Amino acid sequence: RAEVDFSAFDAAMSRAVEKHHFTNFMLQIEGMGGGDYQKWREPKIGAFGEQTPRYQAMFASYVKQLESHLREKGWLGMAYIYWFD
């Protein structure tokens, strides 16, 4: 199970939304992989690649927590993921 501390993120997002009136933001998903045609990063969490049971468990736990937290804060509809260029 992933353990996610949202305290710094929440402070920054609250400021961005309330003070600067942000309406959307790019959400980077750690371990997802991505990049562009010249430099591709394989999905990986620590030493675990995406085909390993540990990666799959950690990644699933992480993104479920992200989705739940963003929904609770009212920010889920503002988030987008830029995965590959």
N, C-alpha and C. Protein backbone atom coordinates (compact mmCIF):
# COMPACT_ATOMS: atom_id res chain seq x y z
N ARG A 1 0.84 -1.18 0.00
CA ARG A 1 0.00 0.00 0.00
C ARG A 1 0.89 1.24 0.00
N ALA A 2 0.56 2.18 -0.84
CA ALA A 2 1.26 3.46 -0.89
C ALA A 2 0.78 4.33 0.27
N GLU A 3 1.68 5.13 0.79
CA GLU A 3 1.32 6.11 1.81
C GLU A 3 1.57 7.49 1.22
N VAL A 4 0.51 8.26 1.06
CA VAL A 4 0.61 9.56 0.40
C VAL A 4 0.32 10.67 1.41
N ASP A 5 1.23 11.63 1.50
CA ASP A 5 1.07 12.79 2.35
C ASP A 5 0.67 13.95 1.45
N PHE A 6 -0.55 14.42 1.58
CA PHE A 6 -1.07 15.48 0.72
C PHE A 6 -0.89 16.88 1.31
N SER A 7 -0.26 17.02 2.45
CA SER A 7 -0.23 18.31 3.15
C SER A 7 0.40 19.42 2.31
N ALA A 8 1.56 19.21 1.74
CA ALA A 8 2.21 20.25 0.93
C ALA A 8 1.41 20.52 -0.35
N PHE A 9 0.92 19.47 -0.98
CA PHE A 9 0.11 19.61 -2.19
C PHE A 9 -1.15 20.42 -1.90
N ASP A 10 -1.83 20.08 -0.81
CA ASP A 10 -3.07 20.78 -0.46
C ASP A 10 -2.84 22.26 -0.22
N ALA A 11 -1.75 22.60 0.47
CA ALA A 11 -1.45 24.00 0.73
C ALA A 11 -1.21 24.75 -0.58
N ALA A 12 -0.43 24.16 -1.48
CA ALA A 12 -0.13 24.80 -2.76
C ALA A 12 -1.39 24.90 -3.63
N MET A 13 -2.19 23.85 -3.69
CA MET A 13 -3.40 23.87 -4.51
C MET A 13 -4.42 24.85 -3.96
N SER A 14 -4.58 24.89 -2.67
CA SER A 14 -5.52 25.85 -2.07
C SER A 14 -5.14 27.27 -2.45
N ARG A 15 -3.86 27.58 -2.35
CA ARG A 15 -3.36 28.91 -2.71
C ARG A 15 -3.59 29.17 -4.20
N ALA A 16 -3.30 28.18 -5.04
CA ALA A 16 -3.46 28.34 -6.49
C ALA A 16 -4.92 28.59 -6.87
N VAL A 17 -5.81 27.87 -6.23
CA VAL A 17 -7.23 28.01 -6.56
C VAL A 17 -7.82 29.28 -5.97
N GLU A 18 -7.55 29.53 -4.70
CA GLU A 18 -8.16 30.68 -4.03
C GLU A 18 -7.52 32.02 -4.41
N LYS A 19 -6.21 32.06 -4.45
CA LYS A 19 -5.52 33.33 -4.72
C LYS A 19 -5.35 33.61 -6.21
N HIS A 20 -4.99 32.58 -6.96
CA HIS A 20 -4.66 32.76 -8.38
C HIS A 20 -5.76 32.29 -9.32
N HIS A 21 -6.84 31.74 -8.78
CA HIS A 21 -8.03 31.34 -9.55
C HIS A 21 -7.73 30.29 -10.62
N PHE A 22 -6.85 29.34 -10.30
CA PHE A 22 -6.58 28.24 -11.23
C PHE A 22 -7.88 27.48 -11.49
N THR A 23 -8.05 27.04 -12.73
CA THR A 23 -9.23 26.25 -13.09
C THR A 23 -8.85 24.84 -13.53
N ASN A 24 -7.55 24.60 -13.76
CA ASN A 24 -7.08 23.25 -14.08
C ASN A 24 -5.60 23.16 -13.75
N PHE A 25 -5.10 21.93 -13.72
CA PHE A 25 -3.68 21.72 -13.44
C PHE A 25 -3.26 20.36 -13.97
N MET A 26 -1.97 20.27 -14.32
CA MET A 26 -1.41 19.01 -14.78
C MET A 26 -1.01 18.19 -13.57
N LEU A 27 -1.50 16.99 -13.50
CA LEU A 27 -1.20 16.08 -12.40
C LEU A 27 -0.15 15.08 -12.88
N GLN A 28 1.00 15.10 -12.24
CA GLN A 28 2.03 14.11 -12.58
C GLN A 28 1.83 12.88 -11.70
N ILE A 29 1.73 11.74 -12.34
CA ILE A 29 1.53 10.48 -11.64
C ILE A 29 2.89 9.80 -11.51
N GLU A 30 3.40 9.75 -10.30
CA GLU A 30 4.69 9.10 -10.06
C GLU A 30 4.62 7.64 -10.44
N GLY A 31 5.64 7.17 -11.12
CA GLY A 31 5.73 5.76 -11.49
C GLY A 31 5.01 5.37 -12.76
N MET A 32 4.31 6.33 -13.40
CA MET A 32 3.50 5.99 -14.57
C MET A 32 4.33 5.78 -15.82
N GLY A 33 5.50 6.36 -15.89
CA GLY A 33 6.25 6.30 -17.14
C GLY A 33 5.79 7.42 -18.04
N GLY A 34 6.35 7.49 -19.23
CA GLY A 34 5.97 8.52 -20.18
C GLY A 34 7.18 9.13 -20.83
N GLY A 35 6.99 10.31 -21.39
CA GLY A 35 8.09 11.00 -22.06
C GLY A 35 7.71 11.43 -23.44
N ASP A 36 8.67 11.32 -24.36
CA ASP A 36 8.42 11.66 -25.75
C ASP A 36 9.14 10.64 -26.64
N TYR A 37 9.14 10.89 -27.94
CA TYR A 37 9.74 9.93 -28.87
C TYR A 37 11.25 9.78 -28.68
N GLN A 38 11.89 10.80 -28.14
CA GLN A 38 13.34 10.74 -27.97
C GLN A 38 13.75 10.17 -26.61
N LYS A 39 12.90 10.33 -25.62
CA LYS A 39 13.26 9.85 -24.29
C LYS A 39 12.02 9.30 -23.59
N TRP A 40 11.95 8.00 -23.52
CA TRP A 40 10.82 7.30 -22.91
C TRP A 40 11.24 6.76 -21.54
N ARG A 41 10.41 6.98 -20.53
CA ARG A 41 10.64 6.43 -19.19
C ARG A 41 9.67 5.27 -18.96
N GLU A 42 10.23 4.12 -18.65
CA GLU A 42 9.40 2.96 -18.36
C GLU A 42 8.67 3.16 -17.03
N PRO A 43 7.46 2.64 -16.91
CA PRO A 43 6.76 2.69 -15.63
C PRO A 43 7.55 1.94 -14.57
N LYS A 44 7.76 2.59 -13.42
CA LYS A 44 8.59 1.98 -12.39
C LYS A 44 8.34 2.69 -11.06
N ILE A 45 8.26 1.93 -10.00
CA ILE A 45 8.20 2.47 -8.65
C ILE A 45 9.35 1.82 -7.89
N GLY A 46 10.31 2.64 -7.49
CA GLY A 46 11.50 2.09 -6.84
C GLY A 46 12.20 1.15 -7.81
N ALA A 47 12.42 -0.08 -7.37
CA ALA A 47 13.08 -1.07 -8.21
C ALA A 47 12.08 -1.94 -8.97
N PHE A 48 10.79 -1.65 -8.85
CA PHE A 48 9.76 -2.53 -9.39
C PHE A 48 9.17 -1.99 -10.69
N GLY A 49 9.28 -2.78 -11.75
CA GLY A 49 8.69 -2.45 -13.05
C GLY A 49 7.21 -2.75 -13.08
N GLU A 50 6.54 -2.26 -14.12
CA GLU A 50 5.08 -2.34 -14.16
C GLU A 50 4.50 -3.76 -14.22
N GLN A 51 5.28 -4.74 -14.59
CA GLN A 51 4.77 -6.11 -14.66
C GLN A 51 4.85 -6.85 -13.32
N THR A 52 5.44 -6.24 -12.32
CA THR A 52 5.60 -6.92 -11.03
C THR A 52 4.37 -6.69 -10.15
N PRO A 53 4.03 -7.69 -9.33
CA PRO A 53 2.89 -7.55 -8.42
C PRO A 53 3.06 -6.36 -7.45
N ARG A 54 4.26 -6.09 -7.02
CA ARG A 54 4.48 -4.97 -6.09
C ARG A 54 4.19 -3.63 -6.76
N TYR A 55 4.65 -3.46 -7.98
CA TYR A 55 4.35 -2.23 -8.71
C TYR A 55 2.85 -2.08 -8.86
N GLN A 56 2.20 -3.12 -9.31
CA GLN A 56 0.76 -3.06 -9.57
C GLN A 56 -0.02 -2.71 -8.30
N ALA A 57 0.36 -3.30 -7.17
CA ALA A 57 -0.33 -3.01 -5.91
C ALA A 57 -0.08 -1.57 -5.47
N MET A 58 1.18 -1.13 -5.54
CA MET A 58 1.51 0.23 -5.12
C MET A 58 0.86 1.27 -6.04
N PHE A 59 0.93 1.04 -7.34
CA PHE A 59 0.37 2.00 -8.28
C PHE A 59 -1.15 2.11 -8.10
N ALA A 60 -1.81 0.97 -7.96
CA ALA A 60 -3.27 0.98 -7.77
C ALA A 60 -3.63 1.73 -6.48
N SER A 61 -2.91 1.46 -5.41
CA SER A 61 -3.15 2.13 -4.14
C SER A 61 -2.95 3.64 -4.28
N TYR A 62 -1.87 4.02 -4.93
CA TYR A 62 -1.52 5.43 -5.10
C TYR A 62 -2.58 6.19 -5.89
N VAL A 63 -2.96 5.67 -7.06
CA VAL A 63 -3.90 6.42 -7.90
C VAL A 63 -5.31 6.43 -7.29
N LYS A 64 -5.68 5.39 -6.57
CA LYS A 64 -6.98 5.40 -5.88
C LYS A 64 -7.01 6.49 -4.81
N GLN A 65 -5.90 6.63 -4.08
CA GLN A 65 -5.82 7.68 -3.07
C GLN A 65 -5.85 9.06 -3.72
N LEU A 66 -5.14 9.23 -4.82
CA LEU A 66 -5.16 10.51 -5.54
C LEU A 66 -6.58 10.86 -5.98
N GLU A 67 -7.24 9.92 -6.61
CA GLU A 67 -8.60 10.18 -7.10
C GLU A 67 -9.54 10.53 -5.95
N SER A 68 -9.49 9.76 -4.90
CA SER A 68 -10.36 10.00 -3.75
C SER A 68 -10.09 11.37 -3.13
N HIS A 69 -8.83 11.69 -2.95
CA HIS A 69 -8.47 12.96 -2.32
C HIS A 69 -8.88 14.15 -3.19
N LEU A 70 -8.58 14.07 -4.47
CA LEU A 70 -8.95 15.16 -5.37
C LEU A 70 -10.46 15.33 -5.44
N ARG A 71 -11.20 14.24 -5.43
CA ARG A 71 -12.67 14.30 -5.44
C ARG A 71 -13.16 14.98 -4.16
N GLU A 72 -12.60 14.58 -3.03
CA GLU A 72 -12.99 15.14 -1.73
C GLU A 72 -12.74 16.65 -1.68
N LYS A 73 -11.64 17.11 -2.26
CA LYS A 73 -11.29 18.52 -2.25
C LYS A 73 -12.01 19.34 -3.33
N GLY A 74 -12.67 18.64 -4.26
CA GLY A 74 -13.35 19.33 -5.36
C GLY A 74 -12.42 19.67 -6.52
N TRP A 75 -11.26 19.03 -6.57
CA TRP A 75 -10.26 19.34 -7.58
C TRP A 75 -10.16 18.28 -8.68
N LEU A 76 -10.89 17.20 -8.58
CA LEU A 76 -10.74 16.11 -9.54
C LEU A 76 -11.03 16.56 -10.98
N GLY A 77 -12.06 17.34 -11.17
CA GLY A 77 -12.41 17.81 -12.51
C GLY A 77 -11.41 18.81 -13.08
N MET A 78 -10.53 19.33 -12.25
CA MET A 78 -9.53 20.29 -12.69
C MET A 78 -8.25 19.61 -13.17
N ALA A 79 -8.05 18.36 -12.81
CA ALA A 79 -6.80 17.65 -13.06
C ALA A 79 -6.78 17.04 -14.46
N TYR A 80 -5.62 17.13 -15.11
CA TYR A 80 -5.41 16.41 -16.36
C TYR A 80 -4.01 15.80 -16.30
N ILE A 81 -3.82 14.74 -17.08
CA ILE A 81 -2.55 14.03 -17.12
C ILE A 81 -1.98 14.13 -18.52
N TYR A 82 -0.78 14.65 -18.62
CA TYR A 82 -0.08 14.74 -19.90
C TYR A 82 0.95 13.62 -19.89
N TRP A 83 0.63 12.52 -20.55
CA TRP A 83 1.37 11.28 -20.41
C TRP A 83 2.50 11.12 -21.43
N PHE A 84 2.24 11.40 -22.68
CA PHE A 84 3.21 11.11 -23.74
C PHE A 84 3.12 12.16 -24.83
N ASP A 85 4.27 12.59 -25.32
CA ASP A 85 4.31 13.59 -26.38
C ASP A 85 4.88 12.97 -27.63
